[in-house]
Amino acid sequence: MKRVTEPELMNNRFQAEAYASADFSETDNQIVLNLELLLKEVRTKIDGKTLFVDLGCGPGNIAERIAMKWRSAHVLGIDGSEEMLSIAENRAEKLKQKFGLHNLNYLHSNIALYSQKQKNMIPSAQVVVSNSLLHHIHDPNDFWNALKNISCKGTVHYHRDLKRPNSPEEVICIQKKYLPQAPKILIDDYIASLHAAFDIDEIKSQLHFAGLKRFKVFEVGERYLEVVGIF
């Protein structure tokens, strides 16, 4: 099945609200657990100088979990959608009031600007993560170049995205299996995302072209791909 791109940004308020209201806690918690295991494996020290960057942070699902997990570190969520960031910032304010969380901030910016080295607003990150971002990017080179431009030597990377199924029929099977009941706008977005995702061979080729020889891509079940590595 050929890739069919979808809009890069979720600027529709109803899309953002549907996504933010959905329960992705199982997957979100697993991402943070996997990240914790990776950081221990590579012996990364997390302290007050550590900056986590969550690219394409959406409503803040992953960024807020990272901020709660590593309270001494700084966490910056970046997204190009004002609607998504509005939700994320409102949630962060509630976490601040309830738990005294002060290490989480958000930035409205498009990833293409980092790819083109037009942004110098953030220092190099020690840890960079993303969840379900790559498939939104029409030109994947923008994604990989952005990662390189916000990294320093030793930056740890953990990225998870959907894996494109083999056929439209398989897309529907996966949707019915994993998202059987949801608002129509969320189901439509999920189906579009599966069509827009990459397969493992495509990502291997992208990593080779980008010169990211220390990055590896793995299949995770029937739905996901994960890219991990050290810059």
C-alpha atoms as a PDB file:
ATOM      1  CA  MET A   1       0.000   0.000   0.000  1.00  0.00           C
ATOM      2  CA  LYS A   2       1.413   3.374  -1.013  1.00  0.00           C
ATOM      3  CA  ARG A   3       1.764   6.168   1.497  1.00  0.00           C
ATOM      4  CA  VAL A   4      -0.907   8.893   1.439  1.00  0.00           C
ATOM      5  CA  THR A   5       0.051  12.034   3.334  1.00  0.00           C
ATOM      6  CA  GLU A   6      -2.275  13.842   5.726  1.00  0.00           C
ATOM      7  CA  PRO A   7      -2.157  17.456   7.003  1.00  0.00           C
ATOM      8  CA  GLU A   8       1.029  18.128   8.956  1.00  0.00           C
ATOM      9  CA  LEU A   9      -0.737  20.048  11.733  1.00  0.00           C
ATOM     10  CA  MET A  10      -3.906  19.311  13.689  1.00  0.00           C
ATOM     11  CA  ASN A  11      -5.189  22.888  13.781  1.00  0.00           C
ATOM     12  CA  ASN A  12      -8.860  21.959  13.924  1.00  0.00           C
ATOM     13  CA  ARG A  13     -10.177  22.600  17.445  1.00  0.00           C
ATOM     14  CA  PHE A  14     -12.481  19.585  17.324  1.00  0.00           C
ATOM     15  CA  GLN A  15      -9.616  17.343  16.213  1.00  0.00           C
ATOM     16  CA  ALA A  16      -7.426  18.574  19.053  1.00  0.00           C
ATOM     17  CA  GLU A  17     -10.159  18.166  21.635  1.00  0.00           C
ATOM     18  CA  ALA A  18     -11.023  14.655  20.430  1.00  0.00           C
ATOM     19  CA  TYR A  19      -7.376  13.605  20.563  1.00  0.00           C
ATOM     20  CA  ALA A  20      -6.840  15.144  23.993  1.00  0.00           C
ATOM     21  CA  SER A  21      -9.966  13.481  25.384  1.00  0.00           C
ATOM     22  CA  ALA A  22      -9.046  10.001  24.143  1.00  0.00           C
ATOM     23  CA  ASP A  23      -7.524   7.526  26.565  1.00  0.00           C
ATOM     24  CA  PHE A  24      -4.038   6.724  25.287  1.00  0.00           C
ATOM     25  CA  SER A  25      -2.673   6.237  28.799  1.00  0.00           C
ATOM     26  CA  GLU A  26      -1.551   2.639  28.255  1.00  0.00           C
ATOM     27  CA  THR A  27       0.606   3.543  25.270  1.00  0.00           C
ATOM     28  CA  ASP A  28       1.767   6.836  26.804  1.00  0.00           C
ATOM     29  CA  ASN A  29       2.870   5.133  30.014  1.00  0.00           C
ATOM     30  CA  GLN A  30       4.668   2.433  28.035  1.00  0.00           C
ATOM     31  CA  ILE A  31       6.596   5.087  26.095  1.00  0.00           C
ATOM     32  CA  VAL A  32       7.839   6.711  29.305  1.00  0.00           C
ATOM     33  CA  LEU A  33       8.742   3.304  30.761  1.00  0.00           C
ATOM     34  CA  ASN A  34      10.683   2.402  27.608  1.00  0.00           C
ATOM     35  CA  LEU A  35      12.430   5.759  27.739  1.00  0.00           C
ATOM     36  CA  GLU A  36      13.393   5.183  31.362  1.00  0.00           C
ATOM     37  CA  LEU A  37      14.855   1.780  30.512  1.00  0.00           C
ATOM     38  CA  LEU A  38      16.774   3.258  27.582  1.00  0.00           C
ATOM     39  CA  LEU A  39      18.258   6.038  29.711  1.00  0.00           C
ATOM     40  CA  LYS A  40      19.383   3.494  32.303  1.00  0.00           C
ATOM     41  CA  GLU A  41      20.859   1.272  29.601  1.00  0.00           C
ATOM     42  CA  VAL A  42      22.962   4.073  28.144  1.00  0.00           C
ATOM     43  CA  ARG A  43      23.716   5.446  31.635  1.00  0.00           C
ATOM     44  CA  THR A  44      22.398   8.934  31.029  1.00  0.00           C
ATOM     45  CA  LYS A  45      22.524  11.122  34.118  1.00  0.00           C
ATOM     46  CA  ILE A  46      19.369  13.172  34.634  1.00  0.00           C
ATOM     47  CA  ASP A  47      19.822  16.337  36.688  1.00  0.00           C
ATOM     48  CA  GLY A  48      19.072  20.042  36.680  1.00  0.00           C
ATOM     49  CA  LYS A  49      21.074  20.546  33.495  1.00  0.00           C
ATOM     50  CA  THR A  50      19.117  17.979  31.507  1.00  0.00           C
ATOM     51  CA  LEU A  51      16.733  19.182  28.801  1.00  0.00           C
ATOM     52  CA  PHE A  52      14.099  16.826  27.420  1.00  0.00           C
ATOM     53  CA  VAL A  53      12.475  17.960  24.164  1.00  0.00           C
ATOM     54  CA  ASP A  54       9.187  16.414  23.095  1.00  0.00           C
ATOM     55  CA  LEU A  55       8.738  17.190  19.399  1.00  0.00           C
ATOM     56  CA  GLY A  56       5.160  17.270  18.168  1.00  0.00           C
ATOM     57  CA  CYS A  57       3.986  17.174  21.768  1.00  0.00           C
ATOM     58  CA  GLY A  58       0.302  17.628  20.949  1.00  0.00           C
ATOM     59  CA  PRO A  59      -1.806  18.106  24.096  1.00  0.00           C
ATOM     60  CA  GLY A  60       1.143  17.169  26.294  1.00  0.00           C
ATOM     61  CA  ASN A  61       0.512  13.495  27.023  1.00  0.00           C
ATOM     62  CA  ILE A  62       4.176  12.503  26.969  1.00  0.00           C
ATOM     63  CA  ALA A  63       5.778  15.798  28.012  1.00  0.00           C
ATOM     64  CA  GLU A  64       3.788  15.995  31.239  1.00  0.00           C
ATOM     65  CA  ARG A  65       4.597  12.407  32.129  1.00  0.00           C
ATOM     66  CA  ILE A  66       8.301  13.045  31.571  1.00  0.00           C
ATOM     67  CA  ALA A  67       8.130  16.198  33.680  1.00  0.00           C
ATOM     68  CA  MET A  68       6.450  14.301  36.513  1.00  0.00           C
ATOM     69  CA  LYS A  69       8.914  11.399  36.247  1.00  0.00           C
ATOM     70  CA  TRP A  70      12.104  13.502  36.196  1.00  0.00           C
ATOM     71  CA  ARG A  71      11.255  16.515  38.332  1.00  0.00           C
ATOM     72  CA  SER A  72      14.828  17.849  38.399  1.00  0.00           C
ATOM     73  CA  ALA A  73      15.086  18.061  34.588  1.00  0.00           C
ATOM     74  CA  HIS A  74      13.687  20.671  32.213  1.00  0.00           C
ATOM     75  CA  VAL A  75      11.030  19.550  29.746  1.00  0.00           C
ATOM     76  CA  LEU A  76      10.076  21.469  26.608  1.00  0.00           C
ATOM     77  CA  GLY A  77       7.174  20.435  24.413  1.00  0.00           C
ATOM     78  CA  ILE A  78       7.158  21.805  20.857  1.00  0.00           C
ATOM     79  CA  ASP A  79       4.207  21.753  18.485  1.00  0.00           C
ATOM     80  CA  GLY A  80       3.042  23.723  15.470  1.00  0.00           C
ATOM     81  CA  SER A  81      -0.641  23.530  16.378  1.00  0.00           C
ATOM     82  CA  GLU A  82      -1.945  26.390  18.493  1.00  0.00           C
ATOM     83  CA  GLU A  83      -5.031  24.355  19.357  1.00  0.00           C
ATOM     84  CA  MET A  84      -2.945  21.490  20.700  1.00  0.00           C
ATOM     85  CA  LEU A  85      -0.657  23.786  22.684  1.00  0.00           C
ATOM     86  CA  SER A  86      -3.594  25.613  24.211  1.00  0.00           C
ATOM     87  CA  ILE A  87      -4.791  22.326  25.672  1.00  0.00           C
ATOM     88  CA  ALA A  88      -1.274  21.349  26.760  1.00  0.00           C
ATOM     89  CA  GLU A  89      -0.679  24.657  28.530  1.00  0.00           C
ATOM     90  CA  ASN A  90      -3.995  24.486  30.350  1.00  0.00           C
ATOM     91  CA  ARG A  91      -3.155  20.990  31.554  1.00  0.00           C
ATOM     92  CA  ALA A  92       0.322  22.091  32.621  1.00  0.00           C
ATOM     93  CA  GLU A  93      -1.150  24.896  34.699  1.00  0.00           C
ATOM     94  CA  LYS A  94      -3.370  22.391  36.514  1.00  0.00           C
ATOM     95  CA  LEU A  95      -0.358  20.168  37.201  1.00  0.00           C
ATOM     96  CA  LYS A  96       1.513  23.181  38.515  1.00  0.00           C
ATOM     97  CA  GLN A  97      -1.279  24.039  40.906  1.00  0.00           C
ATOM     98  CA  LYS A  98      -1.906  20.452  42.014  1.00  0.00           C
ATOM     99  CA  PHE A  99       1.638  19.057  42.189  1.00  0.00           C
ATOM    100  CA  GLY A 100       3.865  22.127  42.119  1.00  0.00           C
ATOM    101  CA  LEU A 101       5.193  21.121  38.715  1.00  0.00           C
ATOM    102  CA  HIS A 102       7.495  23.902  37.488  1.00  0.00           C
ATOM    103  CA  ASN A 103       9.778  22.118  35.019  1.00  0.00           C
ATOM    104  CA  LEU A 104       7.404  21.898  32.042  1.00  0.00           C
ATOM    105  CA  ASN A 105       7.121  24.502  29.280  1.00  0.00           C
ATOM    106  CA  TYR A 106       5.742  24.631  25.766  1.00  0.00           C
ATOM    107  CA  LEU A 107       6.789  26.349  22.566  1.00  0.00           C
ATOM    108  CA  HIS A 108       4.727  27.021  19.458  1.00  0.00           C
ATOM    109  CA  SER A 109       6.971  26.295  16.479  1.00  0.00           C
ATOM    110  CA  ASN A 110       7.032  24.335  13.244  1.00  0.00           C
ATOM    111  CA  ILE A 111       9.547  21.517  12.928  1.00  0.00           C
ATOM    112  CA  ALA A 112      10.534  22.705   9.436  1.00  0.00           C
ATOM    113  CA  LEU A 113      12.183  25.751  11.002  1.00  0.00           C
ATOM    114  CA  TYR A 114      14.525  23.532  13.019  1.00  0.00           C
ATOM    115  CA  SER A 115      15.211  21.471   9.939  1.00  0.00           C
ATOM    116  CA  GLN A 116      16.310  24.609   8.120  1.00  0.00           C
ATOM    117  CA  LYS A 117      18.336  25.925  11.080  1.00  0.00           C
ATOM    118  CA  GLN A 118      16.102  28.974  11.316  1.00  0.00           C
ATOM    119  CA  LYS A 119      15.471  28.526  15.034  1.00  0.00           C
ATOM    120  CA  ASN A 120      18.039  29.229  17.728  1.00  0.00           C
ATOM    121  CA  MET A 121      15.531  29.546  20.516  1.00  0.00           C
ATOM    122  CA  ILE A 122      16.379  26.320  22.343  1.00  0.00           C
ATOM    123  CA  PRO A 123      19.730  24.934  23.462  1.00  0.00           C
ATOM    124  CA  SER A 124      20.814  21.474  22.470  1.00  0.00           C
ATOM    125  CA  ALA A 125      18.728  18.796  24.151  1.00  0.00           C
ATOM    126  CA  GLN A 126      20.122  15.859  26.078  1.00  0.00           C
ATOM    127  CA  VAL A 127      17.039  13.737  25.372  1.00  0.00           C
ATOM    128  CA  VAL A 128      14.687  14.056  22.388  1.00  0.00           C
ATOM    129  CA  VAL A 129      11.433  12.138  22.097  1.00  0.00           C
ATOM    130  CA  SER A 130       8.446  12.100  19.783  1.00  0.00           C
ATOM    131  CA  ASN A 131       5.249  10.126  19.562  1.00  0.00           C
ATOM    132  CA  SER A 132       3.222   9.816  16.362  1.00  0.00           C
ATOM    133  CA  LEU A 133       4.947  12.773  14.740  1.00  0.00           C
ATOM    134  CA  LEU A 134       6.957  11.388  11.826  1.00  0.00           C
ATOM    135  CA  HIS A 135       3.943  10.266   9.802  1.00  0.00           C
ATOM    136  CA  HIS A 136       2.559  13.820   9.879  1.00  0.00           C
ATOM    137  CA  ILE A 137       5.676  15.219   8.176  1.00  0.00           C
ATOM    138  CA  HIS A 138       5.313  15.287   4.397  1.00  0.00           C
ATOM    139  CA  ASP A 139       9.079  15.268   3.822  1.00  0.00           C
ATOM    140  CA  PRO A 140      10.692  12.959   6.422  1.00  0.00           C
ATOM    141  CA  ASN A 141      14.027  14.679   5.836  1.00  0.00           C
ATOM    142  CA  ASP A 142      12.608  17.641   7.754  1.00  0.00           C
ATOM    143  CA  PHE A 143      12.138  15.375  10.763  1.00  0.00           C
ATOM    144  CA  TRP A 144      15.614  13.850  10.738  1.00  0.00           C
ATOM    145  CA  ASN A 145      17.351  17.166  10.032  1.00  0.00           C
ATOM    146  CA  ALA A 146      15.472  18.797  12.888  1.00  0.00           C
ATOM    147  CA  LEU A 147      16.631  16.049  15.227  1.00  0.00           C
ATOM    148  CA  LYS A 148      20.232  16.617  14.207  1.00  0.00           C
ATOM    149  CA  ASN A 149      19.960  20.386  14.637  1.00  0.00           C
ATOM    150  CA  ILE A 150      18.671  20.234  18.210  1.00  0.00           C
ATOM    151  CA  SER A 151      21.061  17.492  19.299  1.00  0.00           C
ATOM    152  CA  CYS A 152      24.531  17.584  20.766  1.00  0.00           C
ATOM    153  CA  LYS A 153      27.061  14.792  21.046  1.00  0.00           C
ATOM    154  CA  GLY A 154      25.510  12.077  23.166  1.00  0.00           C
ATOM    155  CA  THR A 155      21.877  13.179  22.841  1.00  0.00           C
ATOM    156  CA  VAL A 156      19.588  10.205  23.466  1.00  0.00           C
ATOM    157  CA  HIS A 157      16.700   9.716  21.039  1.00  0.00           C
ATOM    158  CA  TYR A 158      13.480   7.750  21.433  1.00  0.00           C
ATOM    159  CA  HIS A 159      10.777   8.036  18.781  1.00  0.00           C
ATOM    160  CA  ARG A 160       7.624   6.006  18.322  1.00  0.00           C
ATOM    161  CA  ASP A 161       5.251   6.128  15.376  1.00  0.00           C
ATOM    162  CA  LEU A 162       2.609   4.112  13.630  1.00  0.00           C
ATOM    163  CA  LYS A 163       3.598   1.463  11.089  1.00  0.00           C
ATOM    164  CA  ARG A 164       1.839   1.556   7.740  1.00  0.00           C
ATOM    165  CA  PRO A 165      -0.256  -1.564   7.112  1.00  0.00           C
ATOM    166  CA  ASN A 166       0.024  -3.546   3.914  1.00  0.00           C
ATOM    167  CA  SER A 167      -3.435  -2.801   2.548  1.00  0.00           C
ATOM    168  CA  PRO A 168      -6.524  -0.602   3.051  1.00  0.00           C
ATOM    169  CA  GLU A 169      -8.313  -3.688   4.353  1.00  0.00           C
ATOM    170  CA  GLU A 170      -5.659  -4.144   7.032  1.00  0.00           C
ATOM    171  CA  VAL A 171      -6.038  -0.477   7.981  1.00  0.00           C
ATOM    172  CA  ILE A 172      -9.711  -1.029   8.755  1.00  0.00           C
ATOM    173  CA  CYS A 173      -8.962  -4.222  10.686  1.00  0.00           C
ATOM    174  CA  ILE A 174      -6.454  -2.408  12.876  1.00  0.00           C
ATOM    175  CA  GLN A 175      -8.845   0.494  13.429  1.00  0.00           C
ATOM    176  CA  LYS A 176     -11.662  -1.844  14.474  1.00  0.00           C
ATOM    177  CA  LYS A 177      -9.332  -3.804  16.740  1.00  0.00           C
ATOM    178  CA  TYR A 178      -7.643  -0.927  18.541  1.00  0.00           C
ATOM    179  CA  LEU A 179     -10.052   1.987  18.154  1.00  0.00           C
ATOM    180  CA  PRO A 180     -13.484   0.386  17.770  1.00  0.00           C
ATOM    181  CA  GLN A 181     -15.449   3.073  19.572  1.00  0.00           C
ATOM    182  CA  ALA A 182     -14.473   6.714  19.350  1.00  0.00           C
ATOM    183  CA  PRO A 183     -15.767   9.977  17.895  1.00  0.00           C
ATOM    184  CA  LYS A 184     -15.906   9.806  14.100  1.00  0.00           C
ATOM    185  CA  ILE A 185     -13.352  12.612  13.796  1.00  0.00           C
ATOM    186  CA  LEU A 186     -10.847  10.583  15.836  1.00  0.00           C
ATOM    187  CA  ILE A 187     -11.470   7.394  13.851  1.00  0.00           C
ATOM    188  CA  ASP A 188     -11.047   9.280  10.585  1.00  0.00           C
ATOM    189  CA  ASP A 189      -7.772  10.783  11.825  1.00  0.00           C
ATOM    190  CA  TYR A 190      -6.514   7.361  12.920  1.00  0.00           C
ATOM    191  CA  ILE A 191      -7.272   5.817   9.530  1.00  0.00           C
ATOM    192  CA  ALA A 192      -5.581   8.730   7.767  1.00  0.00           C
ATOM    193  CA  SER A 193      -2.541   8.374  10.041  1.00  0.00           C
ATOM    194  CA  LEU A 194      -2.184   4.669   9.240  1.00  0.00           C
ATOM    195  CA  HIS A 195      -2.204   5.518   5.532  1.00  0.00           C
ATOM    196  CA  ALA A 196       0.391   8.280   6.111  1.00  0.00           C
ATOM    197  CA  ALA A 197       2.777   6.191   8.201  1.00  0.00           C
ATOM    198  CA  PHE A 198       6.027   4.637   6.975  1.00  0.00           C
ATOM    199  CA  ASP A 199       7.149   1.023   6.936  1.00  0.00           C
ATOM    200  CA  ILE A 200      10.343  -0.204   8.534  1.00  0.00           C
ATOM    201  CA  ASP A 201      12.344  -0.377   5.295  1.00  0.00           C
ATOM    202  CA  GLU A 202      11.475   3.220   4.468  1.00  0.00           C
ATOM    203  CA  ILE A 203      12.695   4.407   7.843  1.00  0.00           C
ATOM    204  CA  LYS A 204      15.883   2.378   7.534  1.00  0.00           C
ATOM    205  CA  SER A 205      16.512   4.139   4.239  1.00  0.00           C
ATOM    206  CA  GLN A 206      15.752   7.533   5.766  1.00  0.00           C
ATOM    207  CA  LEU A 207      18.194   6.929   8.617  1.00  0.00           C
ATOM    208  CA  HIS A 208      20.895   5.890   6.160  1.00  0.00           C
ATOM    209  CA  PHE A 209      20.321   8.960   4.003  1.00  0.00           C
ATOM    210  CA  ALA A 210      20.370  11.223   7.089  1.00  0.00           C
ATOM    211  CA  GLY A 211      23.678   9.727   8.243  1.00  0.00           C
ATOM    212  CA  LEU A 212      22.190   8.591  11.550  1.00  0.00           C
ATOM    213  CA  LYS A 213      24.200   5.388  11.703  1.00  0.00           C
ATOM    214  CA  ARG A 214      23.759   4.980  15.471  1.00  0.00           C
ATOM    215  CA  PHE A 215      19.967   5.002  15.212  1.00  0.00           C
ATOM    216  CA  LYS A 216      18.061   1.723  14.958  1.00  0.00           C
ATOM    217  CA  VAL A 217      14.441   1.077  14.054  1.00  0.00           C
ATOM    218  CA  PHE A 218      12.365  -1.777  15.466  1.00  0.00           C
ATOM    219  CA  GLU A 219       8.886  -3.108  14.875  1.00  0.00           C
ATOM    220  CA  VAL A 220       6.721  -3.147  18.007  1.00  0.00           C
ATOM    221  CA  GLY A 221       3.738  -5.409  17.555  1.00  0.00           C
ATOM    222  CA  GLU A 222       1.532  -4.895  14.526  1.00  0.00           C
ATOM    223  CA  ARG A 223       1.017  -1.163  14.971  1.00  0.00           C
ATOM    224  CA  TYR A 224       4.228   0.613  15.856  1.00  0.00           C
ATOM    225  CA  LEU A 225       7.810   1.352  14.928  1.00  0.00           C
ATOM    226  CA  GLU A 226      10.382   2.672  17.381  1.00  0.00           C
ATOM    227  CA  VAL A 227      13.594   4.500  16.561  1.00  0.00           C
ATOM    228  CA  VAL A 228      16.244   4.694  19.249  1.00  0.00           C
ATOM    229  CA  GLY A 229      19.807   5.900  19.173  1.00  0.00           C
ATOM    230  CA  ILE A 230      22.505   8.227  20.414  1.00  0.00           C
ATOM    231  CA  PHE A 231      23.571  11.220  18.333  1.00  0.00           C
END
